[in-house]
Protein backbone atom coordinates (compact mmCIF):
# COMPACT_ATOMS: atom_id res chain seq x y z
CA MET A 1 -27.74 -16.63 -38.50
CA THR A 2 -25.90 -13.83 -36.73
CA ASP A 3 -25.27 -14.22 -33.01
CA THR A 4 -26.78 -11.40 -31.03
CA LEU A 5 -25.15 -10.26 -27.81
CA LEU A 6 -27.91 -10.05 -25.22
CA THR A 7 -27.48 -7.71 -22.26
CA ARG A 8 -29.74 -7.72 -19.26
CA ARG A 9 -29.42 -5.16 -16.52
CA VAL A 10 -30.41 -6.07 -12.96
CA LYS A 11 -31.37 -3.19 -10.65
CA PHE A 12 -32.22 -3.28 -6.97
CA ALA A 13 -32.41 -0.39 -4.53
CA SER A 14 -32.15 -0.88 -0.80
CA THR A 15 -32.71 1.72 1.91
CA ILE A 16 -30.13 1.91 4.71
CA GLU A 17 -31.73 2.72 8.04
CA TYR A 18 -30.39 2.33 11.56
CA ASP A 19 -30.90 4.10 14.85
CA VAL A 20 -28.26 5.81 16.99
CA ILE A 21 -29.87 6.02 20.42
CA ASN A 22 -28.87 7.69 23.67
CA VAL A 23 -29.74 5.29 26.50
CA ILE A 24 -29.51 5.45 30.28
CA ASP A 25 -28.08 2.34 31.96
CA VAL A 26 -28.20 -0.01 29.00
CA PHE A 27 -27.98 -3.12 31.23
CA ASP A 28 -30.85 -2.16 33.54
CA VAL A 29 -33.32 -5.06 33.32
CA GLU A 30 -36.15 -2.54 32.78
CA ASN A 31 -34.40 -1.23 29.67
CA MET A 32 -35.37 -3.30 26.63
CA ALA A 33 -33.34 -1.32 24.07
CA LEU A 34 -30.71 -4.05 23.89
CA LEU A 35 -33.18 -6.82 23.09
CA LEU A 36 -35.80 -5.17 20.91
CA PRO A 37 -36.40 -5.60 18.07
CA GLY A 38 -35.45 -9.25 18.11
CA LYS A 39 -36.54 -12.54 19.54
CA VAL A 40 -36.71 -12.45 23.34
CA LYS A 41 -38.72 -15.48 24.49
CA ASN A 42 -36.47 -18.54 24.09
CA GLY A 43 -34.08 -16.29 22.21
CA CYS A 44 -30.29 -16.36 21.89
CA ARG A 45 -27.64 -13.67 21.61
CA PHE A 46 -23.97 -13.95 20.68
CA VAL A 47 -22.15 -11.24 22.63
CA VAL A 48 -18.57 -10.11 22.03
CA VAL A 49 -17.31 -7.95 24.87
CA ASP A 50 -14.03 -6.22 25.58
CA LYS A 51 -12.23 -8.04 28.36
CA ASN A 52 -11.81 -4.88 30.44
CA VAL A 53 -15.47 -4.00 30.01
CA ASP A 54 -16.32 -7.53 31.13
CA LEU A 55 -14.43 -6.91 34.37
CA HIS A 56 -16.57 -3.85 35.12
CA TYR A 57 -19.96 -4.91 33.77
CA GLY A 58 -19.78 -8.67 33.22
CA ASP A 59 -22.00 -9.69 36.14
CA LYS A 60 -24.59 -7.05 35.27
CA MET A 61 -24.63 -8.08 31.60
CA ARG A 62 -25.10 -11.75 32.40
CA SER A 63 -27.85 -10.97 34.90
CA TYR A 64 -29.60 -8.86 32.27
CA PHE A 65 -29.87 -11.68 29.75
CA ALA A 66 -30.72 -14.26 32.43
CA HIS A 67 -33.52 -12.03 33.75
CA HIS A 68 -35.12 -11.95 30.32
CA GLY A 69 -34.64 -15.66 29.68
CA VAL A 70 -32.30 -15.09 26.76
CA LYS A 71 -29.50 -17.60 26.28
CA ALA A 72 -26.30 -15.62 25.77
CA LYS A 73 -22.87 -16.78 24.63
CA PHE A 74 -20.17 -14.37 25.84
CA VAL A 75 -16.84 -14.12 24.04
CA THR A 76 -14.21 -11.76 25.47
CA PHE A 77 -11.98 -9.81 23.11
CA PRO A 78 -8.66 -8.19 24.08
CA GLY A 79 -9.18 -4.97 22.09
CA GLY A 80 -6.34 -2.78 20.84
CA GLU A 81 -5.16 -2.14 17.28
CA GLU A 82 -2.77 -5.12 17.44
CA ASN A 83 -5.81 -7.43 17.66
CA LYS A 84 -7.60 -6.04 14.60
CA THR A 85 -6.40 -9.03 12.60
CA ILE A 86 -7.59 -11.87 10.41
CA ASP A 87 -6.73 -14.34 13.20
CA CYS A 88 -9.01 -12.56 15.68
CA PHE A 89 -11.69 -12.34 13.01
CA PHE A 90 -11.57 -16.11 12.47
CA SER A 91 -11.49 -16.84 16.21
CA ILE A 92 -14.80 -15.01 16.62
CA ILE A 93 -16.27 -16.72 13.56
CA ARG A 94 -15.41 -20.13 15.03
CA GLU A 95 -17.08 -19.24 18.34
CA LEU A 96 -20.15 -17.96 16.52
CA ASP A 97 -20.43 -21.04 14.34
CA GLY A 98 -20.43 -23.18 17.48
CA PHE A 99 -23.33 -21.20 18.92
CA PRO A 100 -25.83 -20.95 16.07
CA ILE A 101 -28.15 -17.98 16.03
CA HIS A 102 -31.17 -17.22 13.89
CA ARG A 103 -30.24 -15.37 10.76
CA ARG A 104 -32.60 -12.42 11.20
CA ASP A 105 -34.00 -12.04 14.73
CA GLU A 106 -31.04 -12.78 17.04
CA PRO A 107 -28.52 -10.01 16.35
CA ILE A 108 -24.87 -10.25 17.33
CA ILE A 109 -24.01 -7.74 20.05
CA ALA A 110 -20.66 -5.91 20.13
CA ILE A 111 -19.72 -4.22 23.41
CA GLY A 112 -16.37 -2.44 23.40
CA GLY A 113 -14.15 0.04 21.64
CA GLY A 114 -13.77 0.86 17.97
CA VAL A 115 -11.47 -2.06 17.20
CA LEU A 116 -13.92 -4.55 18.67
CA THR A 117 -16.97 -3.06 16.95
CA ASP A 118 -15.10 -3.00 13.63
CA VAL A 119 -14.09 -6.64 13.85
CA VAL A 120 -17.51 -7.82 15.02
CA ALA A 121 -19.29 -5.85 12.29
CA PHE A 122 -17.02 -7.49 9.73
CA VAL A 123 -17.91 -10.87 11.23
CA ALA A 124 -21.63 -10.01 11.01
CA SER A 125 -21.27 -9.00 7.36
CA THR A 126 -19.65 -12.30 6.34
CA TYR A 127 -21.43 -14.89 8.50
CA ARG A 128 -24.23 -16.46 6.45
CA ARG A 129 -23.73 -13.56 4.03
CA GLY A 130 -24.89 -11.10 6.65
CA VAL A 131 -26.61 -11.18 10.01
CA PRO A 132 -27.80 -8.17 12.06
CA HIS A 133 -25.61 -6.68 14.75
CA ILE A 134 -25.89 -4.07 17.51
CA LYS A 135 -23.06 -1.83 18.70
CA ILE A 136 -22.53 -0.57 22.23
CA PRO A 137 -19.37 1.57 22.17
CA THR A 138 -17.58 1.77 25.52
CA THR A 139 -14.66 4.04 24.60
CA LEU A 140 -14.95 7.69 23.71
CA MET A 141 -13.34 6.98 20.34
CA GLY A 142 -15.94 4.32 19.62
CA TYR A 143 -18.71 6.54 20.95
CA VAL A 144 -18.09 9.53 18.67
CA ASP A 145 -16.52 7.89 15.64
CA ALA A 146 -16.12 4.16 15.04
CA SER A 147 -19.62 3.04 15.96
CA VAL A 148 -21.61 5.68 14.09
CA GLY A 149 -20.94 4.81 10.45
CA ILE A 150 -21.37 1.65 8.39
CA LYS A 151 -17.81 0.91 7.30
CA ASN A 152 -15.70 -1.54 9.23
CA GLY A 153 -12.76 -3.82 8.70
CA ILE A 154 -9.53 -5.38 9.84
CA ASN A 155 -5.87 -4.70 9.27
CA PHE A 156 -3.96 -6.82 6.77
CA ALA A 157 -0.35 -7.06 5.54
CA GLY A 158 0.72 -4.06 7.61
CA HIS A 159 -2.08 -1.84 6.32
CA LYS A 160 -4.97 -0.44 8.36
CA ASN A 161 -8.44 -1.59 7.40
CA ARG A 162 -7.25 -3.18 4.17
CA LEU A 163 -10.04 -5.80 4.40
CA GLY A 164 -13.52 -4.60 5.20
CA CYS A 165 -17.04 -3.86 4.11
CA PHE A 166 -19.98 -1.53 4.45
CA GLN A 167 -22.41 -3.10 6.93
CA ALA A 168 -25.00 -1.03 8.75
CA PRO A 169 -25.73 -1.97 12.35
CA GLN A 170 -29.29 -2.64 13.40
CA LYS A 171 -28.76 0.10 15.97
CA VAL A 172 -26.11 1.82 18.05
CA LEU A 173 -26.75 2.27 21.78
CA LEU A 174 -24.87 5.13 23.42
CA ASP A 175 -24.58 4.97 27.21
CA ASN A 176 -22.17 7.72 28.23
CA SER A 177 -22.04 6.49 31.84
CA MET A 178 -19.70 3.74 30.65
CA LEU A 179 -17.07 6.38 29.85
CA GLN A 180 -16.46 6.81 33.60
CA THR A 181 -14.34 3.65 33.76
CA LEU A 182 -11.96 4.75 30.99
CA PRO A 183 -8.31 5.60 31.71
CA ARG A 184 -7.57 9.28 31.10
CA ARG A 185 -5.42 8.53 28.06
CA HIS A 186 -8.36 6.86 26.35
CA ILE A 187 -10.62 9.80 27.16
CA LEU A 188 -8.07 12.11 25.53
CA ASN A 189 -7.79 9.70 22.60
CA GLY A 190 -11.48 10.22 21.84
CA VAL A 191 -11.25 13.96 22.37
CA CYS A 192 -8.69 14.08 19.55
CA GLU A 193 -11.35 12.75 17.19
CA ILE A 194 -13.83 15.37 18.42
CA VAL A 195 -11.23 18.10 17.82
CA LYS A 196 -10.69 16.75 14.29
CA LEU A 197 -14.38 17.04 13.45
CA ALA A 198 -14.69 20.47 15.06
CA VAL A 199 -11.71 21.94 13.19
CA ILE A 200 -12.79 20.75 9.78
CA ALA A 201 -16.59 20.89 9.90
CA ASP A 202 -18.18 22.34 13.04
CA ALA A 203 -17.26 25.75 14.46
CA GLY A 204 -20.01 25.46 17.09
CA LEU A 205 -18.55 22.22 18.41
CA PHE A 206 -15.11 23.85 18.50
CA ALA A 207 -16.50 26.68 20.62
CA LEU A 208 -17.98 24.13 23.05
CA LEU A 209 -14.55 22.51 23.36
CA GLU A 210 -12.96 25.87 24.04
CA SER A 211 -15.48 26.71 26.77
CA TYR A 212 -16.23 23.35 28.38
CA GLY A 213 -13.78 20.79 27.01
CA ARG A 214 -11.33 20.82 29.90
CA ASP A 215 -13.96 20.41 32.62
CA SER A 216 -15.78 17.79 30.54
CA ILE A 217 -12.61 15.71 30.33
CA GLU A 218 -12.15 15.89 34.10
CA LEU A 219 -15.73 14.68 34.58
CA CYS A 220 -15.50 11.99 31.87
CA PHE A 221 -18.28 13.81 29.98
CA GLN A 222 -20.89 13.23 32.70
CA SER A 223 -21.88 16.91 33.05
CA ASN A 224 -24.55 18.66 30.98
CA GLU A 225 -21.83 20.48 29.07
CA GLY A 226 -19.97 17.23 28.47
CA ARG A 227 -23.11 15.58 27.14
CA ALA A 228 -23.66 18.59 24.86
CA ILE A 229 -20.19 18.06 23.40
CA LEU A 230 -20.88 14.35 22.87
CA ASP A 231 -24.27 15.04 21.27
CA GLY A 232 -22.72 17.70 19.05
CA ALA A 233 -19.95 15.35 17.93
CA ILE A 234 -22.42 12.54 17.15
CA ALA A 235 -24.76 14.88 15.27
CA GLY A 236 -21.84 16.34 13.32
CA MET A 237 -20.48 12.93 12.40
CA ILE A 238 -23.88 11.71 11.21
CA ARG A 239 -24.37 14.94 9.25
CA GLU A 240 -21.12 14.31 7.38
CA LEU A 241 -21.58 10.56 6.86
CA GLU A 242 -25.27 10.22 6.02
CA PRO A 243 -25.28 11.70 2.49
CA ASN A 244 -22.26 9.61 1.52
CA LEU A 245 -22.46 6.37 3.51
CA PHE A 246 -20.82 4.26 0.81
CA GLU A 247 -18.11 6.84 0.05
CA GLU A 248 -19.11 7.30 -3.57
CA ASP A 249 -17.78 10.84 -3.22
CA LEU A 250 -14.17 10.46 -2.12
CA GLU A 251 -13.83 14.08 -1.01
CA ARG A 252 -14.85 13.53 2.61
CA LYS A 253 -14.38 16.11 5.37
CA VAL A 254 -14.13 13.31 7.93
CA ASP A 255 -10.96 12.10 6.19
CA PHE A 256 -9.27 15.04 7.88
CA GLY A 257 -6.71 13.57 10.23
CA HIS A 258 -6.79 10.27 8.31
CA THR A 259 -4.21 10.94 5.61
CA PHE A 260 -0.83 10.86 7.33
CA SER A 261 -2.04 9.07 10.47
CA TYR A 262 -2.25 5.69 8.72
CA GLY A 263 1.51 5.42 8.36
CA LEU A 264 2.07 6.63 11.91
CA GLU A 265 -0.26 3.95 13.30
CA ALA A 266 1.34 1.23 11.20
CA ARG A 267 4.81 2.25 12.43
CA HIS A 268 3.82 2.64 16.08
CA ASP A 269 0.84 0.28 16.35
CA SER A 270 1.47 -0.69 19.98
CA ASP A 271 2.52 2.75 21.24
CA LEU A 272 0.31 5.25 19.43
CA LEU A 273 -3.46 5.29 19.85
CA HIS A 274 -5.68 6.11 16.88
CA GLY A 275 -6.74 9.52 18.18
CA GLU A 276 -3.15 10.45 19.00
CA ALA A 277 -2.13 9.68 15.41
CA VAL A 278 -5.14 11.62 14.10
CA LEU A 279 -4.16 14.64 16.20
CA LEU A 280 -0.62 14.62 14.76
CA ASP A 281 -2.14 14.49 11.28
CA VAL A 282 -4.47 17.40 12.16
CA LEU A 283 -1.62 19.56 13.44
CA LEU A 284 0.54 18.81 10.40
CA SER A 285 -2.36 19.64 8.08
CA VAL A 286 -3.01 22.87 9.98
CA GLU A 287 0.64 23.81 9.55
CA ILE A 288 0.48 23.09 5.81
CA ALA A 289 -2.69 25.19 5.49
CA ARG A 290 -1.06 28.06 7.41
CA SER A 291 2.07 27.92 5.23
CA ARG A 292 -0.13 28.19 2.15
CA LYS A 293 -1.80 31.26 3.70
CA MET A 294 -5.03 29.31 3.41
CA LEU A 295 -5.54 29.43 7.19
CA SER A 296 -4.97 32.68 9.06
CA GLU A 297 -2.49 32.93 11.89
CA PRO A 298 -5.24 33.75 14.46
CA ASN A 299 -7.18 30.63 13.46
CA THR A 300 -4.00 28.57 13.56
CA GLU A 301 -3.24 29.81 17.06
CA ARG A 302 -6.80 29.12 18.14
CA ILE A 303 -6.45 25.45 17.11
CA PHE A 304 -3.10 24.99 18.82
CA GLU A 305 -4.41 26.72 21.92
CA VAL A 306 -7.36 24.33 22.29
CA VAL A 307 -4.95 21.38 21.98
CA ARG A 308 -2.82 22.88 24.75
CA LYS A 309 -5.83 23.73 26.91
CA LEU A 310 -7.22 20.20 26.67
CA ALA A 311 -3.78 18.70 27.44
CA LEU A 312 -3.92 16.44 24.40
CA ILE A 313 -1.00 14.14 23.67
CA ALA A 314 0.91 15.36 20.61
CA ASP A 315 4.46 14.02 20.32
CA VAL A 316 5.51 15.66 17.06
CA SER A 317 8.88 13.88 17.23
CA GLU A 318 6.99 10.91 15.72
CA LEU A 319 6.69 12.82 12.43
CA GLU A 320 9.17 11.83 9.72
CA ALA A 321 8.84 13.37 6.29
CA HIS A 322 9.71 10.18 4.36
CA LEU A 323 7.09 8.16 6.23
CA LEU A 324 4.46 10.86 5.82
CA TRP A 325 5.14 11.15 2.10
CA SER A 326 4.92 7.39 1.51
CA THR A 327 1.65 7.34 3.46
CA LEU A 328 0.24 10.10 1.29
CA GLU A 329 1.25 8.17 -1.83
CA GLU A 330 -0.60 5.10 -0.53
CA ARG A 331 -3.69 7.19 0.24
CA VAL A 332 -3.74 8.30 -3.41
CA TYR A 333 -4.57 4.72 -4.41
CA HIS A 334 -7.30 4.58 -1.77
CA ARG A 335 -8.73 7.87 -3.05
CA ASN A 336 -8.77 6.76 -6.68
CA GLY A 337 -5.72 8.54 -8.02
CA LEU A 338 -5.91 11.92 -6.28
CA GLN A 339 -4.69 13.13 -2.89
CA ARG A 340 -8.06 14.64 -1.89
CA VAL A 341 -6.54 15.99 1.33
CA PRO A 342 -8.90 18.20 3.37
CA LEU A 343 -7.17 21.29 4.76
CA PRO A 344 -8.82 23.85 7.05
CA ARG A 345 -9.33 27.35 5.72
CA ALA A 346 -11.12 28.46 8.89
CA VAL A 347 -12.31 26.76 12.05
CA GLY A 348 -15.24 24.65 10.82
CA ASP A 349 -14.49 24.93 7.10
CA CYS A 350 -12.14 23.23 4.65
CA VAL A 351 -10.93 22.88 1.08
CA PHE A 352 -9.59 19.77 -0.69
CA VAL A 353 -6.15 19.83 -2.31
CA ASN A 354 -4.32 17.46 -4.64
CA ASP A 355 -0.89 19.06 -4.89
CA ILE A 356 0.92 18.57 -1.56
CA THR A 357 4.65 17.95 -2.17
CA TYR A 358 7.35 16.16 -0.23
CA VAL A 359 9.19 19.45 0.29
CA GLU A 360 6.04 21.00 1.72
CA ILE A 361 5.60 18.12 4.17
CA ALA A 362 9.24 18.31 5.28
CA ARG A 363 8.95 22.07 5.84
CA ALA A 364 5.71 21.64 7.81
CA VAL A 365 7.33 19.01 10.05
CA GLU A 366 10.20 21.38 10.80
CA GLN A 367 7.86 24.31 11.48
CA LEU A 368 5.61 22.17 13.66
CA ASN A 369 8.53 20.97 15.77
CA GLY A 370 9.61 24.55 16.28
CA ARG A 371 6.12 25.70 17.19
CA MET A 372 5.62 22.92 19.72
CA ALA A 373 9.07 23.47 21.27
CA LEU A 374 8.14 27.11 21.97
CA ARG A 375 4.99 25.96 23.77
CA GLN A 376 6.80 23.72 26.24
C-alpha cells in the first residue's frame, strides 16, 4: 500500500473594523464614548495613563469611572522612547494579571502618547491571546499617527519596533482639547509627522499648513483652521493605511520619513524625538529627489520654506552618511530585499526607488548642510 500525502487547507476570513471618533471632553460624565460598547454596570477597566497626563486629568478620570460605578485600576506609565521596552511591557502585564478583566467586554484603555499606546496595544494583543483595547492619544504625534493604525510594538536589542503585532483597537477617541497641555516641542514633534504626510501624499493638507500652520501651532490646534489640519491629517493617514492595514504591499507612502530616521532615533534615543528624526529623514529624501531632478527646485524650496515658517526643529548636524547608509541596509531586510524608499516628485506625490547609493547619501548630507546654513 502506497502512503498518500494528505493536505488540508484551512481558510478563515475576518473583517477588521474600528472607529476613529472625534469627541468633546472625553472625561465628561455625560459622555459615554469611553465606556460603550462594554460592560458598565459592575464593570471593570484597566487603565494605563501617561504620568504627565495623570497630573492634569487624573482626578477627572477617576471621578468619571466612579460616577458610572465602574471599578478602574490605574497604572501610570512614564512615556518616552526609552520606555518602549520589554521590561515595561512585562510590568504592565503583571499589573493586568493582578486585576483580572473580562476577556471581551472590559477593554483595556490606553491614555497617552504614541509610545504608551504602542506598548499597551502589544499587551492587549498578547494577554489571553487578545483582549480589546481603546486608545486615547494625548500627544499630537499620537493623535495624527501612532493611534490611527493597527500596528504596534516595542523596541528590542537596539532596534525600533523589532517586536510587535497587528492589533486593531476597538476604537480611537480623539479629544483635541488635551493638546493644550503639551509643551511646544511636543506640538512641533507632531507637526513634523503632518508635514511628512502632506509632502508625500496630500497637497491640500500641505496648503493648509502653509496658510494656517503657524497660527494653529500657537493655538495648540484649538482654532477652526487647526482642527481642519488635524482632520485632514487623520483622514489622509486613514486613506493611506486602510487598503493595506497588514502591510502586504511594502511600497507604502507613509514610510516616507521612516527610512533613515530609525538609525537616528536609535543613536539619539533620549535626545531626538520621533517627529524630529522623521523631519530629518524627510529633508534628506527631498534633497536626494532634487539631486535626481525628480523634484523641481520650486517644489523643493516650497517644502523647506514651510519647515522654516513653522519653526520646526531640524538639526542636520545629526546626519552622518555611514549611519544613514547602515540604516538603509537594515530597512532592506524589513522591506523584503528592496529599498522601497518613497521620494517626492511633487508636493503630494511620490515615486518608490530601489537604487539609492552611499555616495548619493553622502552628497545629499553635504548639500543639505549647506542649504540649512544659508537659511540661518
